[in-house]
């Protein structure tokens, strides 16, 4: 199993990249959202990967964080969700958006992805809702890190571009930290995840402290 690759981007497209790893080129399929965040051709990249093996096909799928990869694994475990649909959902919502939508039971958000109808969206929410809190706790810390940059031959005369790496996702990290804090305060994983998801939906740029404060308000007993 190929779990991670790191090398130089030779070619970029909307749904895949060609990565040179010590002279071997790997075609890695990615969501459009992930593709938009990757550096240009000639620069270093690292991606967590999932290898799909079929009798007539081998395909490699790439993710910038273990949070994204884990959601891909769970989404494709749902009947009717193949790799293409999973990447469409991740491309439309991002891994944090998928976490929020499923924890909150928001099938309408899942339906915004191309190729996802109302029945499939509801099935995804129903089957994955109990698993979402533990996935949210992964946060964004475990992100792939790009290798030291090596300039490809045709650009040897040009100055080397700056080294790139995939930085941790601050939103995912804040969500995971807030979720952990609430669980430590005694709230159930499910209640804490739901409150944090709602708080993050209302204030996507909130840091950990603000998320905790907002989630506690939501969890407070109503008079």
N, C-alpha and C. Protein backbone atom coordinates (compact mmCIF):
# COMPACT_ATOMS: atom_id res chain seq x y z
N UNK A 1 0.84 -1.20 0.00
CA UNK A 1 0.00 0.00 0.00
C UNK A 1 0.88 1.25 0.00
N UNK A 2 0.57 2.19 -0.88
CA UNK A 2 1.28 3.46 -0.93
C UNK A 2 0.50 4.45 -0.07
N UNK A 3 1.07 4.85 1.07
CA UNK A 3 0.36 5.72 2.00
C UNK A 3 0.71 7.18 1.89
N UNK A 4 1.85 7.48 1.25
CA UNK A 4 2.28 8.87 1.12
C UNK A 4 3.33 8.95 0.02
N UNK A 5 3.27 10.02 -0.77
CA UNK A 5 4.33 10.25 -1.75
C UNK A 5 4.81 11.70 -1.60
N UNK A 6 6.08 11.90 -1.93
CA UNK A 6 6.67 13.23 -1.88
C UNK A 6 7.63 13.38 -3.05
N UNK A 7 7.48 14.44 -3.80
CA UNK A 7 8.34 14.65 -4.96
C UNK A 7 8.10 16.01 -5.59
N UNK A 8 8.34 16.09 -6.88
CA UNK A 8 8.22 17.34 -7.62
C UNK A 8 7.05 17.24 -8.59
N UNK A 9 6.22 18.27 -8.62
CA UNK A 9 5.09 18.29 -9.55
C UNK A 9 5.59 18.53 -10.97
N UNK A 10 5.26 17.61 -11.86
CA UNK A 10 5.61 17.77 -13.27
C UNK A 10 4.46 18.37 -14.06
N UNK A 11 3.24 18.08 -13.62
CA UNK A 11 2.06 18.57 -14.34
C UNK A 11 0.90 18.67 -13.37
N UNK A 12 0.08 19.72 -13.56
CA UNK A 12 -1.11 19.93 -12.74
C UNK A 12 -2.34 20.00 -13.62
N UNK A 13 -3.44 19.43 -13.12
CA UNK A 13 -4.75 19.56 -13.78
C UNK A 13 -5.78 19.82 -12.69
N UNK A 14 -7.04 19.97 -13.10
CA UNK A 14 -8.10 20.26 -12.13
C UNK A 14 -8.39 19.09 -11.20
N UNK A 15 -8.11 17.87 -11.67
CA UNK A 15 -8.47 16.70 -10.87
C UNK A 15 -7.32 15.73 -10.62
N UNK A 16 -6.11 16.08 -11.04
CA UNK A 16 -4.97 15.21 -10.77
C UNK A 16 -3.66 15.96 -10.93
N UNK A 17 -2.61 15.37 -10.38
CA UNK A 17 -1.26 15.90 -10.57
C UNK A 17 -0.34 14.75 -10.94
N UNK A 18 0.71 15.07 -11.68
CA UNK A 18 1.75 14.09 -11.99
C UNK A 18 2.96 14.45 -11.14
N UNK A 19 3.35 13.53 -10.26
CA UNK A 19 4.42 13.80 -9.31
C UNK A 19 5.62 12.91 -9.62
N UNK A 20 6.78 13.54 -9.78
CA UNK A 20 8.02 12.79 -10.02
C UNK A 20 8.65 12.43 -8.67
N UNK A 21 8.79 11.13 -8.44
CA UNK A 21 9.43 10.64 -7.22
C UNK A 21 10.65 9.83 -7.63
N UNK A 22 11.82 10.47 -7.59
CA UNK A 22 13.08 9.84 -7.95
C UNK A 22 13.03 9.18 -9.32
N UNK A 23 12.48 9.92 -10.27
CA UNK A 23 12.46 9.45 -11.65
C UNK A 23 11.23 8.68 -12.07
N UNK A 24 10.36 8.38 -11.12
CA UNK A 24 9.11 7.66 -11.43
C UNK A 24 7.96 8.65 -11.31
N UNK A 25 7.11 8.75 -12.35
CA UNK A 25 5.99 9.67 -12.33
C UNK A 25 4.71 9.00 -11.87
N UNK A 26 4.09 9.55 -10.83
CA UNK A 26 2.84 9.01 -10.30
C UNK A 26 1.70 9.96 -10.61
N UNK A 27 0.64 9.44 -11.23
CA UNK A 27 -0.58 10.22 -11.43
C UNK A 27 -1.41 10.08 -10.16
N UNK A 28 -1.68 11.21 -9.51
CA UNK A 28 -2.42 11.21 -8.25
C UNK A 28 -3.70 12.01 -8.44
N UNK A 29 -4.83 11.37 -8.25
CA UNK A 29 -6.12 12.04 -8.40
C UNK A 29 -6.46 12.78 -7.11
N UNK A 30 -6.93 14.01 -7.25
CA UNK A 30 -7.23 14.85 -6.09
C UNK A 30 -8.55 15.58 -6.32
N UNK A 31 -9.13 16.10 -5.25
CA UNK A 31 -10.34 16.91 -5.40
C UNK A 31 -9.96 18.26 -6.00
N UNK A 32 -10.92 18.96 -6.58
CA UNK A 32 -10.64 20.27 -7.17
C UNK A 32 -10.18 21.25 -6.11
N UNK A 33 -10.71 21.14 -4.90
CA UNK A 33 -10.30 22.02 -3.81
C UNK A 33 -8.83 21.79 -3.47
N UNK A 34 -8.44 20.52 -3.39
CA UNK A 34 -7.04 20.21 -3.09
C UNK A 34 -6.13 20.66 -4.23
N UNK A 35 -6.56 20.41 -5.46
CA UNK A 35 -5.75 20.81 -6.62
C UNK A 35 -5.45 22.30 -6.61
N UNK A 36 -6.44 23.09 -6.19
CA UNK A 36 -6.27 24.54 -6.19
C UNK A 36 -5.25 25.00 -5.15
N UNK A 37 -4.98 24.18 -4.13
CA UNK A 37 -4.04 24.58 -3.08
C UNK A 37 -2.62 24.13 -3.35
N UNK A 38 -2.42 23.30 -4.36
CA UNK A 38 -1.09 22.74 -4.60
C UNK A 38 -0.20 23.75 -5.31
N UNK A 39 1.12 23.65 -5.10
CA UNK A 39 2.06 24.58 -5.75
C UNK A 39 2.14 24.30 -7.25
N UNK A 40 2.74 25.22 -8.02
CA UNK A 40 2.85 25.04 -9.47
C UNK A 40 3.86 23.96 -9.85
N UNK A 41 3.84 23.59 -11.13
CA UNK A 41 4.79 22.61 -11.63
C UNK A 41 6.21 23.07 -11.36
N UNK A 42 7.06 22.11 -11.00
CA UNK A 42 8.45 22.40 -10.71
C UNK A 42 8.72 22.55 -9.23
N UNK A 43 7.67 22.58 -8.41
CA UNK A 43 7.86 22.73 -6.97
C UNK A 43 7.54 21.43 -6.23
N UNK A 44 8.00 21.38 -4.99
CA UNK A 44 7.85 20.17 -4.18
C UNK A 44 6.43 20.03 -3.65
N UNK A 45 6.01 18.79 -3.46
CA UNK A 45 4.69 18.52 -2.91
C UNK A 45 4.75 17.20 -2.15
N UNK A 46 3.90 17.06 -1.16
CA UNK A 46 3.74 15.80 -0.44
C UNK A 46 2.26 15.58 -0.22
N UNK A 47 1.81 14.35 -0.41
CA UNK A 47 0.41 14.02 -0.27
C UNK A 47 0.26 12.67 0.41
N UNK A 48 -0.69 12.57 1.34
CA UNK A 48 -1.11 11.26 1.80
C UNK A 48 -1.89 10.62 0.66
N UNK A 49 -1.80 9.32 0.54
CA UNK A 49 -2.43 8.67 -0.61
C UNK A 49 -3.24 7.44 -0.20
N UNK A 50 -4.17 7.11 -1.06
CA UNK A 50 -4.97 5.90 -0.92
C UNK A 50 -4.96 5.21 -2.27
N UNK A 51 -4.57 3.95 -2.30
CA UNK A 51 -4.47 3.21 -3.55
C UNK A 51 -5.71 2.35 -3.75
N UNK A 52 -6.42 2.59 -4.84
CA UNK A 52 -7.58 1.78 -5.18
C UNK A 52 -7.14 0.69 -6.15
N UNK A 53 -7.39 -0.55 -5.78
CA UNK A 53 -6.98 -1.70 -6.60
C UNK A 53 -8.21 -2.41 -7.09
N UNK A 54 -8.34 -2.47 -8.43
CA UNK A 54 -9.40 -3.26 -9.04
C UNK A 54 -8.77 -4.21 -10.05
N UNK A 55 -9.54 -5.15 -10.51
CA UNK A 55 -9.00 -6.15 -11.43
C UNK A 55 -8.41 -5.51 -12.68
N UNK A 56 -9.03 -4.43 -13.15
CA UNK A 56 -8.59 -3.81 -14.39
C UNK A 56 -8.04 -2.40 -14.20
N UNK A 57 -7.78 -2.00 -12.93
CA UNK A 57 -7.42 -0.60 -12.72
C UNK A 57 -6.67 -0.41 -11.40
N UNK A 58 -5.65 0.44 -11.44
CA UNK A 58 -4.97 0.92 -10.24
C UNK A 58 -5.03 2.43 -10.25
N UNK A 59 -5.56 3.04 -9.20
CA UNK A 59 -5.65 4.50 -9.14
C UNK A 59 -5.17 4.97 -7.78
N UNK A 60 -4.42 6.06 -7.80
CA UNK A 60 -3.87 6.64 -6.59
C UNK A 60 -4.58 7.96 -6.31
N UNK A 61 -5.08 8.13 -5.08
CA UNK A 61 -5.80 9.34 -4.70
C UNK A 61 -4.99 10.07 -3.63
N UNK A 62 -4.93 11.40 -3.74
CA UNK A 62 -4.07 12.17 -2.86
C UNK A 62 -4.82 13.15 -1.98
N UNK A 63 -4.27 13.39 -0.78
CA UNK A 63 -4.91 14.26 0.22
C UNK A 63 -3.83 15.04 0.96
N UNK A 64 -4.14 16.28 1.31
CA UNK A 64 -3.15 17.11 1.99
C UNK A 64 -3.11 16.87 3.49
N UNK A 65 -4.09 16.18 4.04
CA UNK A 65 -4.08 15.89 5.48
C UNK A 65 -4.72 14.53 5.72
N UNK A 66 -4.44 13.97 6.90
CA UNK A 66 -5.06 12.70 7.27
C UNK A 66 -6.55 12.86 7.52
N UNK A 67 -6.98 14.08 7.88
CA UNK A 67 -8.41 14.33 8.05
C UNK A 67 -9.13 14.13 6.72
N UNK A 68 -8.58 14.70 5.66
CA UNK A 68 -9.19 14.54 4.34
C UNK A 68 -9.17 13.08 3.90
N UNK A 69 -8.04 12.41 4.13
CA UNK A 69 -7.91 11.01 3.73
C UNK A 69 -8.91 10.13 4.48
N UNK A 70 -9.07 10.39 5.78
CA UNK A 70 -10.00 9.59 6.57
C UNK A 70 -11.44 9.78 6.12
N UNK A 71 -11.81 11.01 5.76
CA UNK A 71 -13.16 11.23 5.24
C UNK A 71 -13.35 10.51 3.91
N UNK A 72 -12.33 10.50 3.07
CA UNK A 72 -12.43 9.76 1.81
C UNK A 72 -12.67 8.28 2.09
N UNK A 73 -11.94 7.73 3.05
CA UNK A 73 -12.10 6.32 3.38
C UNK A 73 -13.52 6.03 3.88
N UNK A 74 -14.04 6.90 4.74
CA UNK A 74 -15.39 6.69 5.27
C UNK A 74 -16.47 6.92 4.22
N UNK A 75 -16.31 7.96 3.43
CA UNK A 75 -17.31 8.23 2.39
C UNK A 75 -17.42 7.07 1.41
N UNK A 76 -16.29 6.52 1.00
CA UNK A 76 -16.33 5.42 0.04
C UNK A 76 -16.80 4.11 0.65
N UNK A 77 -16.96 4.07 1.99
CA UNK A 77 -17.51 2.88 2.62
C UNK A 77 -19.04 2.85 2.53
N UNK A 78 -19.63 3.98 2.15
CA UNK A 78 -21.08 4.07 2.00
C UNK A 78 -21.49 3.55 0.62
N UNK A 79 -22.49 2.70 0.60
CA UNK A 79 -22.96 2.14 -0.67
C UNK A 79 -23.39 3.26 -1.61
N UNK A 80 -22.89 3.21 -2.83
CA UNK A 80 -23.24 4.22 -3.82
C UNK A 80 -22.24 5.36 -3.91
N UNK A 81 -21.25 5.38 -3.01
CA UNK A 81 -20.23 6.43 -3.04
C UNK A 81 -18.91 5.82 -3.50
N UNK A 82 -18.53 6.14 -4.73
CA UNK A 82 -17.24 5.72 -5.24
C UNK A 82 -16.21 6.82 -5.02
N UNK A 83 -15.01 6.57 -5.50
CA UNK A 83 -13.93 7.56 -5.31
C UNK A 83 -14.27 8.89 -5.96
N UNK A 84 -14.90 8.86 -7.13
CA UNK A 84 -15.23 10.10 -7.85
C UNK A 84 -16.22 10.94 -7.05
N UNK A 85 -17.25 10.30 -6.50
CA UNK A 85 -18.25 11.02 -5.71
C UNK A 85 -17.62 11.55 -4.41
N UNK A 86 -16.78 10.74 -3.79
CA UNK A 86 -16.11 11.17 -2.57
C UNK A 86 -15.28 12.43 -2.81
N UNK A 87 -14.51 12.44 -3.90
CA UNK A 87 -13.70 13.63 -4.20
C UNK A 87 -14.58 14.83 -4.54
N UNK A 88 -15.74 14.57 -5.15
CA UNK A 88 -16.66 15.67 -5.45
C UNK A 88 -17.18 16.29 -4.15
N UNK A 89 -17.50 15.45 -3.16
CA UNK A 89 -17.99 15.95 -1.88
C UNK A 89 -16.90 16.72 -1.15
N UNK A 90 -15.70 16.16 -1.13
CA UNK A 90 -14.59 16.84 -0.47
C UNK A 90 -14.22 18.12 -1.21
N UNK A 91 -14.36 18.10 -2.52
CA UNK A 91 -14.08 19.31 -3.30
C UNK A 91 -15.08 20.41 -3.04
N UNK A 92 -16.34 20.02 -2.84
CA UNK A 92 -17.39 21.01 -2.61
C UNK A 92 -17.35 21.58 -1.20
N UNK A 93 -17.06 20.75 -0.21
CA UNK A 93 -17.18 21.17 1.19
C UNK A 93 -15.84 21.26 1.93
N UNK A 94 -14.82 20.54 1.47
CA UNK A 94 -13.59 20.44 2.24
C UNK A 94 -13.81 19.48 3.39
N UNK A 95 -12.74 18.92 3.97
CA UNK A 95 -12.92 17.95 5.06
C UNK A 95 -13.60 18.54 6.28
N UNK A 96 -13.32 19.82 6.61
CA UNK A 96 -13.99 20.43 7.77
C UNK A 96 -15.47 20.62 7.50
N UNK A 97 -15.80 21.00 6.27
CA UNK A 97 -17.20 21.18 5.90
C UNK A 97 -17.96 19.86 5.92
N UNK A 98 -17.30 18.78 5.48
CA UNK A 98 -17.93 17.46 5.55
C UNK A 98 -18.18 17.08 7.00
N UNK A 99 -17.21 17.34 7.86
CA UNK A 99 -17.37 17.04 9.29
C UNK A 99 -18.60 17.75 9.85
N UNK A 100 -18.70 19.05 9.58
CA UNK A 100 -19.82 19.83 10.12
C UNK A 100 -21.15 19.33 9.57
N UNK A 101 -21.19 19.10 8.26
CA UNK A 101 -22.45 18.69 7.63
C UNK A 101 -22.95 17.37 8.20
N UNK A 102 -22.06 16.42 8.39
CA UNK A 102 -22.48 15.11 8.85
C UNK A 102 -22.83 15.13 10.34
N UNK A 103 -22.05 15.83 11.15
CA UNK A 103 -22.37 15.93 12.58
C UNK A 103 -23.73 16.60 12.78
N UNK A 104 -24.01 17.63 11.97
CA UNK A 104 -25.27 18.37 12.11
C UNK A 104 -26.42 17.73 11.35
N UNK A 105 -26.15 16.62 10.65
CA UNK A 105 -27.21 15.98 9.88
C UNK A 105 -27.68 16.80 8.69
N UNK A 106 -26.78 17.60 8.14
CA UNK A 106 -27.13 18.53 7.06
C UNK A 106 -26.96 17.87 5.70
N UNK A 107 -27.95 17.07 5.32
CA UNK A 107 -27.88 16.37 4.03
C UNK A 107 -27.91 17.36 2.87
N UNK A 108 -28.54 18.50 3.06
CA UNK A 108 -28.61 19.51 1.99
C UNK A 108 -27.22 19.98 1.59
N UNK A 109 -26.32 20.11 2.58
CA UNK A 109 -24.95 20.53 2.27
C UNK A 109 -24.24 19.46 1.45
N UNK A 110 -24.45 18.20 1.80
CA UNK A 110 -23.84 17.10 1.04
C UNK A 110 -24.35 17.09 -0.39
N UNK A 111 -25.62 17.47 -0.57
CA UNK A 111 -26.22 17.47 -1.91
C UNK A 111 -25.62 18.52 -2.83
N UNK A 112 -24.89 19.49 -2.30
CA UNK A 112 -24.30 20.51 -3.17
C UNK A 112 -23.18 19.95 -4.02
N UNK A 113 -22.68 18.77 -3.67
CA UNK A 113 -21.62 18.15 -4.47
C UNK A 113 -22.19 17.57 -5.75
N UNK A 114 -21.52 17.75 -6.89
CA UNK A 114 -22.01 17.20 -8.15
C UNK A 114 -22.16 15.68 -8.07
N UNK A 115 -23.29 15.18 -8.58
CA UNK A 115 -23.52 13.75 -8.62
C UNK A 115 -24.12 13.15 -7.37
N UNK A 116 -24.48 13.99 -6.40
CA UNK A 116 -25.06 13.49 -5.15
C UNK A 116 -26.52 13.90 -5.06
N UNK A 117 -27.39 12.91 -5.08
CA UNK A 117 -28.82 13.18 -4.98
C UNK A 117 -29.30 13.15 -3.54
N UNK A 118 -30.57 13.48 -3.30
CA UNK A 118 -31.09 13.56 -1.93
C UNK A 118 -31.03 12.24 -1.17
N UNK A 119 -31.33 11.11 -1.82
CA UNK A 119 -31.31 9.82 -1.12
C UNK A 119 -29.89 9.44 -0.71
N UNK A 120 -28.94 9.65 -1.61
CA UNK A 120 -27.55 9.31 -1.30
C UNK A 120 -27.01 10.23 -0.20
N UNK A 121 -27.35 11.51 -0.28
CA UNK A 121 -26.89 12.45 0.74
C UNK A 121 -27.41 12.05 2.11
N UNK A 122 -28.67 11.67 2.20
CA UNK A 122 -29.25 11.26 3.48
C UNK A 122 -28.61 9.97 3.98
N UNK A 123 -28.33 9.04 3.06
CA UNK A 123 -27.67 7.79 3.45
C UNK A 123 -26.29 8.07 4.03
N UNK A 124 -25.55 8.98 3.40
CA UNK A 124 -24.22 9.33 3.89
C UNK A 124 -24.31 9.87 5.31
N UNK A 125 -25.23 10.80 5.54
CA UNK A 125 -25.40 11.39 6.87
C UNK A 125 -25.79 10.32 7.89
N UNK A 126 -26.74 9.47 7.53
CA UNK A 126 -27.23 8.45 8.47
C UNK A 126 -26.14 7.46 8.86
N UNK A 127 -25.34 7.04 7.87
CA UNK A 127 -24.34 6.00 8.13
C UNK A 127 -23.08 6.52 8.81
N UNK A 128 -22.77 7.81 8.62
CA UNK A 128 -21.50 8.32 9.12
C UNK A 128 -21.63 9.26 10.32
N UNK A 129 -22.86 9.58 10.71
CA UNK A 129 -23.02 10.58 11.78
C UNK A 129 -22.35 10.15 13.08
N UNK A 130 -22.44 8.89 13.44
CA UNK A 130 -21.84 8.43 14.69
C UNK A 130 -20.31 8.40 14.62
N UNK A 131 -19.76 8.34 13.42
CA UNK A 131 -18.31 8.28 13.26
C UNK A 131 -17.67 9.66 13.14
N UNK A 132 -18.48 10.67 12.86
CA UNK A 132 -17.95 12.00 12.59
C UNK A 132 -17.19 12.63 13.75
N UNK A 133 -17.68 12.53 15.00
CA UNK A 133 -16.94 13.18 16.10
C UNK A 133 -15.50 12.70 16.23
N UNK A 134 -15.26 11.41 16.07
CA UNK A 134 -13.90 10.91 16.20
C UNK A 134 -13.02 11.37 15.05
N UNK A 135 -13.62 11.54 13.87
CA UNK A 135 -12.85 12.06 12.73
C UNK A 135 -12.51 13.52 12.95
N UNK A 136 -13.46 14.28 13.48
CA UNK A 136 -13.21 15.70 13.76
C UNK A 136 -12.03 15.88 14.69
N UNK A 137 -11.85 14.95 15.62
CA UNK A 137 -10.79 15.07 16.60
C UNK A 137 -9.40 14.90 16.00
N UNK A 138 -9.32 14.44 14.75
CA UNK A 138 -8.02 14.33 14.09
C UNK A 138 -7.39 15.71 13.91
N UNK A 139 -8.25 16.70 13.64
CA UNK A 139 -7.75 18.06 13.44
C UNK A 139 -6.90 18.18 12.19
N UNK A 140 -6.08 19.24 12.13
CA UNK A 140 -5.27 19.48 10.95
C UNK A 140 -3.79 19.34 11.19
N UNK A 141 -3.41 18.83 12.39
CA UNK A 141 -1.99 18.75 12.69
C UNK A 141 -1.25 17.77 11.79
N UNK A 142 -1.89 16.66 11.47
CA UNK A 142 -1.22 15.63 10.70
C UNK A 142 -1.34 15.93 9.22
N UNK A 143 -0.54 16.86 8.74
CA UNK A 143 -0.54 17.25 7.34
C UNK A 143 0.74 16.80 6.67
N UNK A 144 0.65 16.46 5.39
CA UNK A 144 1.83 16.03 4.66
C UNK A 144 2.81 17.19 4.54
N UNK A 145 4.10 16.88 4.63
CA UNK A 145 5.13 17.91 4.53
C UNK A 145 5.95 17.68 3.27
N UNK A 146 6.16 18.74 2.50
CA UNK A 146 6.89 18.61 1.25
C UNK A 146 8.36 18.33 1.50
N UNK A 147 9.02 17.60 0.59
CA UNK A 147 10.44 17.30 0.73
C UNK A 147 11.28 18.51 0.34
N UNK A 148 12.60 18.48 0.60
CA UNK A 148 13.47 19.55 0.11
C UNK A 148 13.34 19.67 -1.40
N UNK A 149 13.27 20.89 -1.89
CA UNK A 149 13.00 21.14 -3.30
C UNK A 149 14.20 20.83 -4.17
N UNK A 150 13.96 20.14 -5.28
CA UNK A 150 14.97 19.94 -6.30
C UNK A 150 14.41 20.49 -7.61
N UNK A 151 15.17 21.33 -8.28
CA UNK A 151 14.69 21.97 -9.50
C UNK A 151 14.78 20.97 -10.64
N UNK A 152 13.74 20.86 -11.45
CA UNK A 152 13.77 19.95 -12.57
C UNK A 152 14.71 20.47 -13.64
N UNK A 153 15.27 19.58 -14.48
CA UNK A 153 16.38 19.89 -15.36
C UNK A 153 16.18 21.09 -16.24
N UNK A 154 15.01 21.21 -16.87
CA UNK A 154 14.83 22.30 -17.81
C UNK A 154 14.84 23.66 -17.15
N UNK A 155 14.68 23.69 -15.83
CA UNK A 155 14.71 24.96 -15.12
C UNK A 155 16.04 25.18 -14.40
N UNK A 156 17.06 24.38 -14.71
CA UNK A 156 18.30 24.41 -13.95
C UNK A 156 18.97 25.78 -13.99
N UNK A 157 18.77 26.53 -15.09
CA UNK A 157 19.42 27.83 -15.21
C UNK A 157 18.70 28.91 -14.43
N UNK A 158 17.49 28.62 -14.04
CA UNK A 158 16.69 29.62 -13.33
C UNK A 158 16.88 29.48 -11.83
N UNK A 159 16.65 30.57 -11.07
CA UNK A 159 16.75 30.46 -9.62
C UNK A 159 15.72 29.47 -9.09
N UNK A 160 16.09 28.74 -8.08
CA UNK A 160 15.17 27.76 -7.51
C UNK A 160 14.01 28.46 -6.83
N UNK A 161 12.76 28.03 -7.11
CA UNK A 161 11.62 28.62 -6.42
C UNK A 161 11.65 28.24 -4.95
N UNK A 162 10.92 28.97 -4.16
CA UNK A 162 10.92 28.72 -2.72
C UNK A 162 10.34 27.35 -2.41
N UNK A 163 10.89 26.73 -1.37
CA UNK A 163 10.37 25.44 -0.95
C UNK A 163 8.95 25.62 -0.44
N UNK A 164 8.10 24.65 -0.74
CA UNK A 164 6.71 24.73 -0.29
C UNK A 164 6.43 23.55 0.62
N UNK A 165 5.47 23.73 1.45
CA UNK A 165 5.01 22.63 2.29
C UNK A 165 3.55 22.86 2.60
N UNK A 166 2.90 21.80 3.03
CA UNK A 166 1.50 21.90 3.38
C UNK A 166 1.38 22.26 4.85
N UNK A 167 0.91 23.45 5.16
CA UNK A 167 0.80 23.89 6.54
C UNK A 167 -0.42 23.27 7.20
N UNK A 168 -0.38 23.08 8.50
CA UNK A 168 -1.54 22.57 9.19
C UNK A 168 -2.74 23.48 8.98
N UNK A 169 -3.92 22.90 8.91
CA UNK A 169 -5.13 23.67 8.71
C UNK A 169 -5.57 24.23 10.06
N UNK A 170 -5.51 25.56 10.21
CA UNK A 170 -5.83 26.18 11.49
C UNK A 170 -7.26 25.93 11.90
N UNK A 171 -8.19 25.95 10.93
CA UNK A 171 -9.60 25.71 11.24
C UNK A 171 -9.80 24.32 11.81
N UNK A 172 -9.19 23.31 11.18
CA UNK A 172 -9.33 21.94 11.65
C UNK A 172 -8.69 21.77 13.02
N UNK A 173 -7.55 22.41 13.23
CA UNK A 173 -6.86 22.31 14.52
C UNK A 173 -7.69 22.93 15.62
N UNK A 174 -8.27 24.10 15.35
CA UNK A 174 -9.10 24.77 16.35
C UNK A 174 -10.32 23.93 16.70
N UNK A 175 -10.94 23.33 15.68
CA UNK A 175 -12.10 22.48 15.91
C UNK A 175 -11.74 21.28 16.77
N UNK A 176 -10.62 20.63 16.44
CA UNK A 176 -10.19 19.46 17.21
C UNK A 176 -9.86 19.83 18.65
N UNK A 177 -9.19 20.96 18.84
CA UNK A 177 -8.82 21.39 20.20
C UNK A 177 -10.06 21.75 21.02
N UNK A 178 -11.01 22.43 20.38
CA UNK A 178 -12.24 22.79 21.09
C UNK A 178 -13.04 21.54 21.47
N UNK A 179 -13.10 20.59 20.55
CA UNK A 179 -13.81 19.34 20.81
C UNK A 179 -13.17 18.61 21.99
N UNK A 180 -11.84 18.54 21.99
CA UNK A 180 -11.12 17.87 23.08
C UNK A 180 -11.38 18.56 24.42
N UNK A 181 -11.38 19.90 24.41
CA UNK A 181 -11.61 20.65 25.64
C UNK A 181 -13.00 20.38 26.22
N UNK A 182 -14.00 20.35 25.36
CA UNK A 182 -15.37 20.12 25.84
C UNK A 182 -15.55 18.70 26.37
N UNK A 183 -14.92 17.74 25.71
CA UNK A 183 -14.99 16.35 26.19
C UNK A 183 -14.32 16.25 27.56
N UNK A 184 -13.20 16.96 27.72
CA UNK A 184 -12.51 16.96 29.01
C UNK A 184 -13.34 17.61 30.11
N UNK A 185 -14.25 18.51 29.71
CA UNK A 185 -15.14 19.15 30.69
C UNK A 185 -16.31 18.25 31.08
N UNK A 186 -16.44 17.09 30.41
CA UNK A 186 -17.47 16.15 30.79
C UNK A 186 -18.60 15.97 29.81
N UNK A 187 -18.60 16.74 28.72
CA UNK A 187 -19.65 16.59 27.71
C UNK A 187 -19.41 15.33 26.89
N UNK A 188 -20.46 14.71 26.41
CA UNK A 188 -20.31 13.52 25.57
C UNK A 188 -19.67 13.93 24.24
N UNK A 189 -19.04 12.97 23.60
CA UNK A 189 -18.38 13.25 22.34
C UNK A 189 -19.37 13.78 21.31
N UNK A 190 -20.56 13.16 21.27
CA UNK A 190 -21.56 13.58 20.29
C UNK A 190 -22.08 14.98 20.52
N UNK A 191 -22.42 15.30 21.79
CA UNK A 191 -22.92 16.64 22.11
C UNK A 191 -21.86 17.70 21.85
N UNK A 192 -20.62 17.40 22.25
CA UNK A 192 -19.52 18.35 22.04
C UNK A 192 -19.28 18.59 20.56
N UNK A 193 -19.28 17.52 19.77
CA UNK A 193 -19.03 17.65 18.34
C UNK A 193 -20.11 18.48 17.66
N UNK A 194 -21.37 18.24 18.05
CA UNK A 194 -22.48 18.99 17.47
C UNK A 194 -22.37 20.48 17.79
N UNK A 195 -22.04 20.80 19.04
CA UNK A 195 -21.94 22.20 19.45
C UNK A 195 -20.76 22.89 18.75
N UNK A 196 -19.63 22.21 18.68
CA UNK A 196 -18.46 22.79 18.01
C UNK A 196 -18.73 22.97 16.52
N UNK A 197 -19.41 22.01 15.92
CA UNK A 197 -19.72 22.11 14.50
C UNK A 197 -20.62 23.31 14.22
N UNK A 198 -21.61 23.53 15.07
CA UNK A 198 -22.50 24.69 14.90
C UNK A 198 -21.73 25.99 15.09
N UNK A 199 -20.88 26.02 16.09
CA UNK A 199 -20.09 27.22 16.36
C UNK A 199 -19.16 27.53 15.18
N UNK A 200 -18.54 26.48 14.64
CA UNK A 200 -17.63 26.67 13.50
C UNK A 200 -18.39 27.09 12.24
N UNK A 201 -19.61 26.61 12.10
CA UNK A 201 -20.43 26.99 10.95
C UNK A 201 -20.78 28.47 11.01
N UNK A 202 -21.05 28.98 12.21
CA UNK A 202 -21.42 30.39 12.37
C UNK A 202 -20.21 31.32 12.32
N UNK A 203 -19.03 30.79 12.69
CA UNK A 203 -17.81 31.62 12.68
C UNK A 203 -16.64 30.77 12.18
N UNK A 204 -16.53 30.60 10.86
CA UNK A 204 -15.51 29.71 10.29
C UNK A 204 -14.08 30.09 10.65
N UNK A 205 -13.82 31.36 10.92
CA UNK A 205 -12.46 31.80 11.21
C UNK A 205 -12.16 31.85 12.71
N UNK A 206 -13.07 31.38 13.53
CA UNK A 206 -12.88 31.47 14.98
C UNK A 206 -11.71 30.60 15.43
N UNK A 207 -10.98 31.11 16.45
CA UNK A 207 -9.90 30.33 17.03
C UNK A 207 -10.47 29.39 18.09
N UNK A 208 -9.59 28.62 18.73
CA UNK A 208 -10.03 27.61 19.68
C UNK A 208 -10.85 28.22 20.83
N UNK A 209 -10.35 29.31 21.40
CA UNK A 209 -11.03 29.92 22.54
C UNK A 209 -12.44 30.38 22.17
N UNK A 210 -12.57 31.01 21.01
CA UNK A 210 -13.90 31.48 20.58
C UNK A 210 -14.83 30.30 20.31
N UNK A 211 -14.31 29.24 19.74
CA UNK A 211 -15.14 28.07 19.46
C UNK A 211 -15.64 27.45 20.77
N UNK A 212 -14.76 27.34 21.75
CA UNK A 212 -15.15 26.78 23.05
C UNK A 212 -16.23 27.65 23.69
N UNK A 213 -16.01 28.96 23.67
CA UNK A 213 -16.98 29.89 24.28
C UNK A 213 -18.35 29.77 23.59
N UNK A 214 -18.34 29.76 22.26
CA UNK A 214 -19.60 29.68 21.52
C UNK A 214 -20.28 28.33 21.72
N UNK A 215 -19.48 27.25 21.74
CA UNK A 215 -20.05 25.91 21.93
C UNK A 215 -20.65 25.76 23.34
N UNK A 216 -19.99 26.33 24.34
CA UNK A 216 -20.52 26.27 25.69
C UNK A 216 -21.87 26.98 25.80
N UNK A 217 -22.01 28.09 25.08
CA UNK A 217 -23.30 28.79 25.06
C UNK A 217 -24.39 27.89 24.48
N UNK A 218 -24.02 27.17 23.40
CA UNK A 218 -24.99 26.30 22.77
C UNK A 218 -25.35 25.12 23.67
N UNK A 219 -24.40 24.69 24.50
CA UNK A 219 -24.63 23.54 25.36
C UNK A 219 -25.29 23.91 26.69
N UNK A 220 -25.33 25.21 26.99
CA UNK A 220 -25.90 25.65 28.26
C UNK A 220 -27.39 25.32 28.33
N UNK A 221 -27.88 24.89 29.47
CA UNK A 221 -29.31 24.60 29.60
C UNK A 221 -30.16 25.81 29.27
N UNK A 222 -31.22 25.59 28.54
CA UNK A 222 -32.10 26.71 28.17
C UNK A 222 -33.06 26.98 29.33
N UNK A 223 -33.22 28.26 29.62
CA UNK A 223 -34.10 28.66 30.74
C UNK A 223 -35.54 28.37 30.38
